[in-house]
N, C-alpha and C. Protein backbone atom coordinates (compact mmCIF):
# COMPACT_ATOMS: atom_id res chain seq x y z
N UNK A 1 0.86 -1.17 -0.01
CA UNK A 1 0.00 0.01 0.01
C UNK A 1 0.90 1.24 0.00
N UNK A 2 0.52 2.26 -0.74
CA UNK A 2 1.39 3.43 -0.81
C UNK A 2 1.22 4.30 0.46
N UNK A 3 2.16 5.22 0.65
CA UNK A 3 2.18 6.06 1.87
C UNK A 3 0.94 6.95 1.98
N UNK A 4 0.46 7.47 0.88
CA UNK A 4 -0.72 8.33 0.93
C UNK A 4 -1.92 7.57 1.48
N UNK A 5 -2.16 6.38 0.98
CA UNK A 5 -3.29 5.58 1.45
C UNK A 5 -3.12 5.28 2.93
N UNK A 6 -1.94 4.91 3.34
CA UNK A 6 -1.68 4.61 4.75
C UNK A 6 -1.89 5.84 5.63
N UNK A 7 -1.47 7.01 5.15
CA UNK A 7 -1.67 8.26 5.89
C UNK A 7 -3.17 8.59 6.03
N UNK A 8 -3.91 8.41 4.96
CA UNK A 8 -5.36 8.66 5.00
C UNK A 8 -6.03 7.68 5.96
N UNK A 9 -5.68 6.41 5.87
CA UNK A 9 -6.22 5.40 6.80
C UNK A 9 -5.91 5.75 8.24
N UNK A 10 -4.67 6.15 8.50
CA UNK A 10 -4.29 6.52 9.87
C UNK A 10 -5.06 7.73 10.39
N UNK A 11 -5.24 8.71 9.52
CA UNK A 11 -5.95 9.93 9.91
C UNK A 11 -7.42 9.63 10.23
N UNK A 12 -8.12 8.96 9.30
CA UNK A 12 -9.54 8.68 9.51
C UNK A 12 -9.80 7.53 10.47
N UNK A 13 -8.85 6.60 10.58
CA UNK A 13 -9.05 5.45 11.43
C UNK A 13 -8.55 5.63 12.84
N UNK A 14 -7.45 6.33 13.02
CA UNK A 14 -6.82 6.37 14.33
C UNK A 14 -6.85 7.77 14.97
N UNK A 15 -6.68 8.83 14.17
CA UNK A 15 -6.59 10.18 14.74
C UNK A 15 -7.96 10.79 15.01
N UNK A 16 -8.84 10.76 14.02
CA UNK A 16 -10.14 11.41 14.16
C UNK A 16 -11.02 10.65 15.13
N UNK A 17 -11.57 11.33 16.07
CA UNK A 17 -12.54 10.74 17.02
C UNK A 17 -13.86 11.47 16.98
N UNK A 18 -13.86 12.70 16.44
CA UNK A 18 -15.09 13.48 16.28
C UNK A 18 -14.81 14.59 15.29
N UNK A 19 -15.85 15.34 14.95
CA UNK A 19 -15.67 16.49 14.03
C UNK A 19 -14.70 17.51 14.61
N UNK A 20 -14.62 17.58 15.93
CA UNK A 20 -13.74 18.54 16.59
C UNK A 20 -12.27 18.31 16.25
N UNK A 21 -11.92 17.08 15.84
CA UNK A 21 -10.54 16.76 15.51
C UNK A 21 -10.15 17.07 14.07
N UNK A 22 -11.11 17.46 13.23
CA UNK A 22 -10.81 17.73 11.82
C UNK A 22 -9.80 18.85 11.71
N UNK A 23 -8.85 18.68 10.78
CA UNK A 23 -7.85 19.70 10.54
C UNK A 23 -8.16 20.49 9.27
N UNK A 24 -9.39 20.44 8.83
CA UNK A 24 -9.78 21.11 7.60
C UNK A 24 -11.25 21.43 7.65
N UNK A 25 -11.67 22.45 6.95
CA UNK A 25 -13.11 22.73 6.79
C UNK A 25 -13.51 22.54 5.34
N UNK A 26 -12.75 21.74 4.60
CA UNK A 26 -13.00 21.56 3.17
C UNK A 26 -14.27 20.75 2.90
N UNK A 27 -14.86 20.19 3.93
CA UNK A 27 -16.06 19.38 3.75
C UNK A 27 -17.33 20.13 4.10
N UNK A 28 -17.31 21.43 3.94
CA UNK A 28 -18.51 22.21 4.23
C UNK A 28 -19.26 22.48 2.92
N UNK A 29 -20.56 22.34 2.99
CA UNK A 29 -21.38 22.58 1.81
C UNK A 29 -22.33 23.75 2.10
N UNK A 30 -22.46 24.66 1.17
CA UNK A 30 -23.25 25.86 1.38
C UNK A 30 -24.74 25.57 1.48
N UNK A 31 -25.25 24.64 0.69
CA UNK A 31 -26.69 24.45 0.61
C UNK A 31 -27.29 23.70 1.81
N UNK A 32 -26.56 22.82 2.40
CA UNK A 32 -27.11 22.04 3.49
C UNK A 32 -27.96 20.89 2.97
N UNK A 33 -28.42 20.03 3.87
CA UNK A 33 -29.18 18.85 3.45
C UNK A 33 -30.59 19.20 2.97
N UNK A 34 -31.16 18.31 2.18
CA UNK A 34 -32.53 18.49 1.72
C UNK A 34 -33.49 18.37 2.88
N UNK A 35 -34.70 18.80 2.70
CA UNK A 35 -35.72 18.70 3.74
C UNK A 35 -35.94 17.24 4.16
N UNK A 36 -35.95 16.36 3.20
CA UNK A 36 -36.14 14.94 3.49
C UNK A 36 -35.00 14.39 4.36
N UNK A 37 -33.78 14.74 4.03
CA UNK A 37 -32.62 14.32 4.84
C UNK A 37 -32.67 14.96 6.22
N UNK A 38 -33.06 16.23 6.32
CA UNK A 38 -33.18 16.89 7.62
C UNK A 38 -34.18 16.17 8.54
N UNK A 39 -35.22 15.57 7.96
CA UNK A 39 -36.18 14.83 8.78
C UNK A 39 -35.60 13.50 9.27
N UNK A 40 -34.65 12.93 8.54
CA UNK A 40 -34.04 11.65 8.92
C UNK A 40 -32.91 11.84 9.93
N UNK A 41 -32.17 12.94 9.87
CA UNK A 41 -30.98 13.14 10.71
C UNK A 41 -31.24 12.93 12.20
N UNK A 42 -32.35 13.38 12.78
CA UNK A 42 -32.56 13.14 14.20
C UNK A 42 -32.71 11.65 14.57
N UNK A 43 -32.89 10.81 13.59
CA UNK A 43 -33.00 9.37 13.82
C UNK A 43 -31.65 8.66 13.82
N UNK A 44 -30.60 9.37 13.48
CA UNK A 44 -29.25 8.78 13.35
C UNK A 44 -28.55 8.89 14.71
N UNK A 45 -27.87 7.82 15.11
CA UNK A 45 -27.16 7.76 16.40
C UNK A 45 -26.16 8.90 16.50
N UNK A 46 -26.04 9.46 17.71
CA UNK A 46 -25.17 10.61 17.95
C UNK A 46 -23.71 10.36 17.55
N UNK A 47 -23.15 9.19 17.87
CA UNK A 47 -21.76 8.93 17.53
C UNK A 47 -21.53 8.98 16.02
N UNK A 48 -22.47 8.45 15.27
CA UNK A 48 -22.37 8.49 13.81
C UNK A 48 -22.37 9.92 13.32
N UNK A 49 -23.26 10.75 13.84
CA UNK A 49 -23.32 12.14 13.44
C UNK A 49 -22.05 12.89 13.84
N UNK A 50 -21.54 12.62 15.02
CA UNK A 50 -20.34 13.28 15.51
C UNK A 50 -19.09 12.87 14.73
N UNK A 51 -19.12 11.68 14.15
CA UNK A 51 -17.95 11.19 13.41
C UNK A 51 -18.20 11.25 11.89
N UNK A 52 -19.09 12.12 11.47
CA UNK A 52 -19.32 12.32 10.03
C UNK A 52 -18.38 13.41 9.56
N UNK A 53 -17.55 13.08 8.56
CA UNK A 53 -16.53 14.03 8.10
C UNK A 53 -16.73 14.44 6.64
N UNK A 54 -17.86 14.17 6.07
CA UNK A 54 -18.08 14.43 4.66
C UNK A 54 -18.93 15.66 4.41
N UNK A 55 -19.38 15.76 3.16
CA UNK A 55 -20.29 16.83 2.77
C UNK A 55 -21.72 16.32 2.91
N UNK A 56 -22.63 17.02 2.35
CA UNK A 56 -24.04 16.63 2.47
C UNK A 56 -24.34 15.41 1.60
N UNK A 57 -25.43 14.77 1.89
CA UNK A 57 -25.82 13.51 1.24
C UNK A 57 -26.26 13.75 -0.19
N UNK A 58 -25.53 13.19 -1.16
CA UNK A 58 -25.92 13.33 -2.57
C UNK A 58 -26.89 12.23 -2.98
N UNK A 59 -27.93 12.05 -2.21
CA UNK A 59 -28.86 10.95 -2.43
C UNK A 59 -30.15 11.43 -3.12
N UNK A 60 -30.59 10.71 -4.11
CA UNK A 60 -31.83 11.12 -4.79
C UNK A 60 -33.02 10.90 -3.86
N UNK A 61 -33.98 11.82 -3.84
CA UNK A 61 -35.12 11.71 -2.94
C UNK A 61 -36.06 10.55 -3.28
N UNK A 62 -36.19 10.20 -4.53
CA UNK A 62 -37.12 9.15 -4.94
C UNK A 62 -36.35 7.85 -5.14
N UNK A 63 -36.00 7.19 -4.06
CA UNK A 63 -35.15 6.02 -4.18
C UNK A 63 -35.75 4.76 -3.56
N UNK A 64 -37.03 4.75 -3.32
CA UNK A 64 -37.73 3.59 -2.74
C UNK A 64 -37.41 2.33 -3.56
N UNK A 65 -36.98 1.27 -2.87
CA UNK A 65 -36.71 -0.01 -3.51
C UNK A 65 -35.38 -0.14 -4.22
N UNK A 66 -34.59 0.90 -4.26
CA UNK A 66 -33.31 0.86 -4.97
C UNK A 66 -32.23 0.18 -4.15
N UNK A 67 -31.15 -0.23 -4.81
CA UNK A 67 -29.94 -0.68 -4.17
C UNK A 67 -28.92 0.44 -4.32
N UNK A 68 -28.34 0.87 -3.20
CA UNK A 68 -27.36 1.97 -3.20
C UNK A 68 -26.01 1.41 -2.76
N UNK A 69 -24.97 1.71 -3.54
CA UNK A 69 -23.60 1.39 -3.16
C UNK A 69 -22.95 2.69 -2.78
N UNK A 70 -22.55 2.82 -1.52
CA UNK A 70 -21.97 4.06 -1.02
C UNK A 70 -20.48 3.83 -0.78
N UNK A 71 -19.65 4.47 -1.62
CA UNK A 71 -18.19 4.30 -1.54
C UNK A 71 -17.59 5.37 -0.65
N UNK A 72 -16.72 4.95 0.27
CA UNK A 72 -16.14 5.88 1.23
C UNK A 72 -17.15 6.25 2.29
N UNK A 73 -17.84 5.26 2.82
CA UNK A 73 -18.99 5.49 3.70
C UNK A 73 -18.64 5.94 5.10
N UNK A 74 -17.38 5.83 5.51
CA UNK A 74 -17.01 6.25 6.85
C UNK A 74 -17.82 5.53 7.91
N UNK A 75 -18.34 6.25 8.88
CA UNK A 75 -19.11 5.64 9.98
C UNK A 75 -20.57 5.41 9.62
N UNK A 76 -20.94 5.65 8.38
CA UNK A 76 -22.23 5.20 7.90
C UNK A 76 -23.39 6.18 7.93
N UNK A 77 -23.13 7.44 8.21
CA UNK A 77 -24.25 8.40 8.27
C UNK A 77 -25.11 8.35 7.01
N UNK A 78 -24.45 8.51 5.86
CA UNK A 78 -25.24 8.54 4.62
C UNK A 78 -25.79 7.17 4.25
N UNK A 79 -25.13 6.11 4.67
CA UNK A 79 -25.67 4.77 4.44
C UNK A 79 -27.00 4.63 5.18
N UNK A 80 -27.03 5.10 6.43
CA UNK A 80 -28.27 4.98 7.20
C UNK A 80 -29.36 5.92 6.65
N UNK A 81 -28.96 7.10 6.18
CA UNK A 81 -29.95 7.98 5.54
C UNK A 81 -30.52 7.30 4.30
N UNK A 82 -29.63 6.73 3.49
CA UNK A 82 -30.08 6.00 2.29
C UNK A 82 -30.96 4.82 2.67
N UNK A 83 -30.63 4.15 3.76
CA UNK A 83 -31.43 3.03 4.24
C UNK A 83 -32.88 3.44 4.48
N UNK A 84 -33.03 4.60 5.10
CA UNK A 84 -34.39 5.12 5.34
C UNK A 84 -35.07 5.48 4.02
N UNK A 85 -34.33 6.09 3.11
CA UNK A 85 -34.89 6.53 1.84
C UNK A 85 -35.32 5.36 0.93
N UNK A 86 -34.52 4.28 0.91
CA UNK A 86 -34.84 3.17 0.01
C UNK A 86 -35.95 2.28 0.57
N UNK A 87 -36.24 2.42 1.85
CA UNK A 87 -37.35 1.64 2.45
C UNK A 87 -36.97 0.19 2.65
N UNK A 88 -37.93 -0.57 3.14
CA UNK A 88 -37.68 -1.98 3.48
C UNK A 88 -37.36 -2.82 2.25
N UNK A 89 -37.83 -2.42 1.09
CA UNK A 89 -37.58 -3.20 -0.12
C UNK A 89 -36.23 -2.88 -0.76
N UNK A 90 -35.55 -1.83 -0.28
CA UNK A 90 -34.26 -1.43 -0.84
C UNK A 90 -33.11 -2.02 -0.04
N UNK A 91 -31.92 -1.70 -0.49
CA UNK A 91 -30.71 -2.22 0.14
C UNK A 91 -29.61 -1.19 0.00
N UNK A 92 -28.74 -1.11 1.02
CA UNK A 92 -27.62 -0.17 0.97
C UNK A 92 -26.36 -0.87 1.41
N UNK A 93 -25.31 -0.72 0.60
CA UNK A 93 -24.00 -1.34 0.89
C UNK A 93 -23.00 -0.20 1.04
N UNK A 94 -22.37 -0.13 2.21
CA UNK A 94 -21.34 0.89 2.47
C UNK A 94 -19.97 0.25 2.43
N UNK A 95 -19.03 0.89 1.74
CA UNK A 95 -17.65 0.41 1.61
C UNK A 95 -16.71 1.52 2.09
N UNK A 96 -15.76 1.13 2.94
CA UNK A 96 -14.75 2.07 3.40
C UNK A 96 -13.45 1.29 3.64
N UNK A 97 -12.30 1.93 3.47
CA UNK A 97 -11.02 1.23 3.62
C UNK A 97 -10.57 1.17 5.08
N UNK A 98 -11.25 1.89 5.95
CA UNK A 98 -10.79 2.03 7.32
C UNK A 98 -11.58 1.12 8.27
N UNK A 99 -10.88 0.20 8.87
CA UNK A 99 -11.52 -0.77 9.77
C UNK A 99 -12.28 -0.09 10.91
N UNK A 100 -11.69 0.96 11.48
CA UNK A 100 -12.31 1.65 12.61
C UNK A 100 -13.64 2.31 12.20
N UNK A 101 -13.67 2.89 11.01
CA UNK A 101 -14.90 3.52 10.52
C UNK A 101 -15.99 2.47 10.31
N UNK A 102 -15.63 1.37 9.65
CA UNK A 102 -16.59 0.29 9.39
C UNK A 102 -17.09 -0.30 10.71
N UNK A 103 -16.21 -0.47 11.67
CA UNK A 103 -16.60 -1.01 12.98
C UNK A 103 -17.65 -0.13 13.65
N UNK A 104 -17.43 1.18 13.61
CA UNK A 104 -18.40 2.12 14.20
C UNK A 104 -19.73 2.03 13.46
N UNK A 105 -19.67 2.05 12.14
CA UNK A 105 -20.91 1.99 11.34
C UNK A 105 -21.70 0.72 11.63
N UNK A 106 -21.02 -0.41 11.64
CA UNK A 106 -21.70 -1.70 11.80
C UNK A 106 -22.29 -1.91 13.18
N UNK A 107 -21.68 -1.33 14.20
CA UNK A 107 -22.20 -1.56 15.56
C UNK A 107 -23.57 -0.92 15.76
N UNK A 108 -23.99 -0.01 14.89
CA UNK A 108 -25.29 0.64 15.02
C UNK A 108 -26.37 0.03 14.12
N UNK A 109 -26.04 -1.04 13.43
CA UNK A 109 -26.99 -1.63 12.47
C UNK A 109 -28.33 -1.96 13.13
N UNK A 110 -28.32 -2.67 14.24
CA UNK A 110 -29.57 -3.03 14.92
C UNK A 110 -30.27 -1.82 15.52
N UNK A 111 -29.49 -0.92 16.12
CA UNK A 111 -30.11 0.27 16.70
C UNK A 111 -30.79 1.11 15.63
N UNK A 112 -30.13 1.29 14.49
CA UNK A 112 -30.75 2.07 13.40
C UNK A 112 -31.99 1.34 12.85
N UNK A 113 -31.91 0.04 12.74
CA UNK A 113 -33.08 -0.72 12.27
C UNK A 113 -34.27 -0.43 13.18
N UNK A 114 -34.03 -0.46 14.50
CA UNK A 114 -35.10 -0.17 15.46
C UNK A 114 -35.58 1.25 15.34
N UNK A 115 -34.67 2.21 15.22
CA UNK A 115 -35.06 3.62 15.10
C UNK A 115 -35.93 3.86 13.87
N UNK A 116 -35.69 3.07 12.81
CA UNK A 116 -36.48 3.21 11.59
C UNK A 116 -37.74 2.36 11.61
N UNK A 117 -37.95 1.60 12.69
CA UNK A 117 -39.14 0.78 12.83
C UNK A 117 -39.18 -0.40 11.86
N UNK A 118 -38.02 -0.99 11.62
CA UNK A 118 -37.91 -2.09 10.66
C UNK A 118 -37.74 -3.43 11.36
N UNK A 119 -38.20 -4.49 10.70
CA UNK A 119 -38.02 -5.84 11.23
C UNK A 119 -36.62 -6.37 10.93
N UNK A 120 -36.11 -6.02 9.76
CA UNK A 120 -34.76 -6.45 9.37
C UNK A 120 -33.97 -5.24 8.88
N UNK A 121 -32.66 -5.35 8.98
CA UNK A 121 -31.79 -4.30 8.49
C UNK A 121 -31.60 -4.46 6.99
N UNK A 122 -31.49 -3.35 6.28
CA UNK A 122 -31.24 -3.39 4.85
C UNK A 122 -29.86 -2.81 4.51
N UNK A 123 -28.96 -2.80 5.51
CA UNK A 123 -27.60 -2.28 5.27
C UNK A 123 -26.55 -3.34 5.47
N UNK A 124 -25.46 -3.17 4.76
CA UNK A 124 -24.30 -4.05 4.86
C UNK A 124 -23.07 -3.14 4.77
N UNK A 125 -22.06 -3.43 5.59
CA UNK A 125 -20.81 -2.67 5.56
C UNK A 125 -19.67 -3.60 5.21
N UNK A 126 -18.82 -3.16 4.28
CA UNK A 126 -17.67 -3.93 3.84
C UNK A 126 -16.42 -3.08 3.90
N UNK A 127 -15.34 -3.67 4.37
CA UNK A 127 -14.06 -2.96 4.33
C UNK A 127 -13.38 -3.28 3.02
N UNK A 128 -12.98 -2.25 2.31
CA UNK A 128 -12.31 -2.44 1.03
C UNK A 128 -11.88 -1.11 0.44
N UNK A 129 -11.12 -1.20 -0.62
CA UNK A 129 -10.63 -0.02 -1.32
C UNK A 129 -11.52 0.23 -2.54
N UNK A 130 -12.02 1.44 -2.68
CA UNK A 130 -12.97 1.73 -3.75
C UNK A 130 -12.33 1.60 -5.13
N UNK A 131 -11.01 1.69 -5.21
CA UNK A 131 -10.35 1.53 -6.50
C UNK A 131 -10.06 0.06 -6.80
N UNK A 132 -10.42 -0.84 -5.87
CA UNK A 132 -10.17 -2.27 -6.06
C UNK A 132 -11.28 -3.05 -5.39
N UNK A 133 -12.43 -3.12 -6.02
CA UNK A 133 -13.62 -3.71 -5.40
C UNK A 133 -13.79 -5.21 -5.67
N UNK A 134 -12.71 -5.91 -5.87
CA UNK A 134 -12.82 -7.36 -6.07
C UNK A 134 -13.54 -7.95 -4.90
C-alpha cells in the first residue's frame, strides 16, 4: 500500500474521534441537506453524526426499492440515511477502507433498524478499497 493511502487510513481510522478533531473545513457545503434528509438526521445515532466528516448527502429523494452502493462510507451516516430513503424493499451497501470507521458503522446496524421501525436491516458494511472492489 502506498504512503498516501496509509496516511489517510491513519488519519480517519486512528486520529479522528469526532468532528472537533478535523484539521480542515473543506467538507462544508453551502446548501445544506434536503428537507427529506433533515427529517431523517434526528433518527441517526449521535456517535455516527459526531464522526461524520463528509459533505451533504448526494442521495436522490425518490429512491424507494433501490440498491445503493456508497463508496467511502465512513461511519455510515449517509448509508443509514439512504437506508431510510430506500425503504424496506431497498438495500444499501457501504464500503470504506478504514476498519475503525466500518466497525463504528456496523455496531449501530440493529439500533438504526429499530429507530427506523424495521423488522430487518437493509444495510451491509464492507471494508475495502474503492479503486479495487474485487
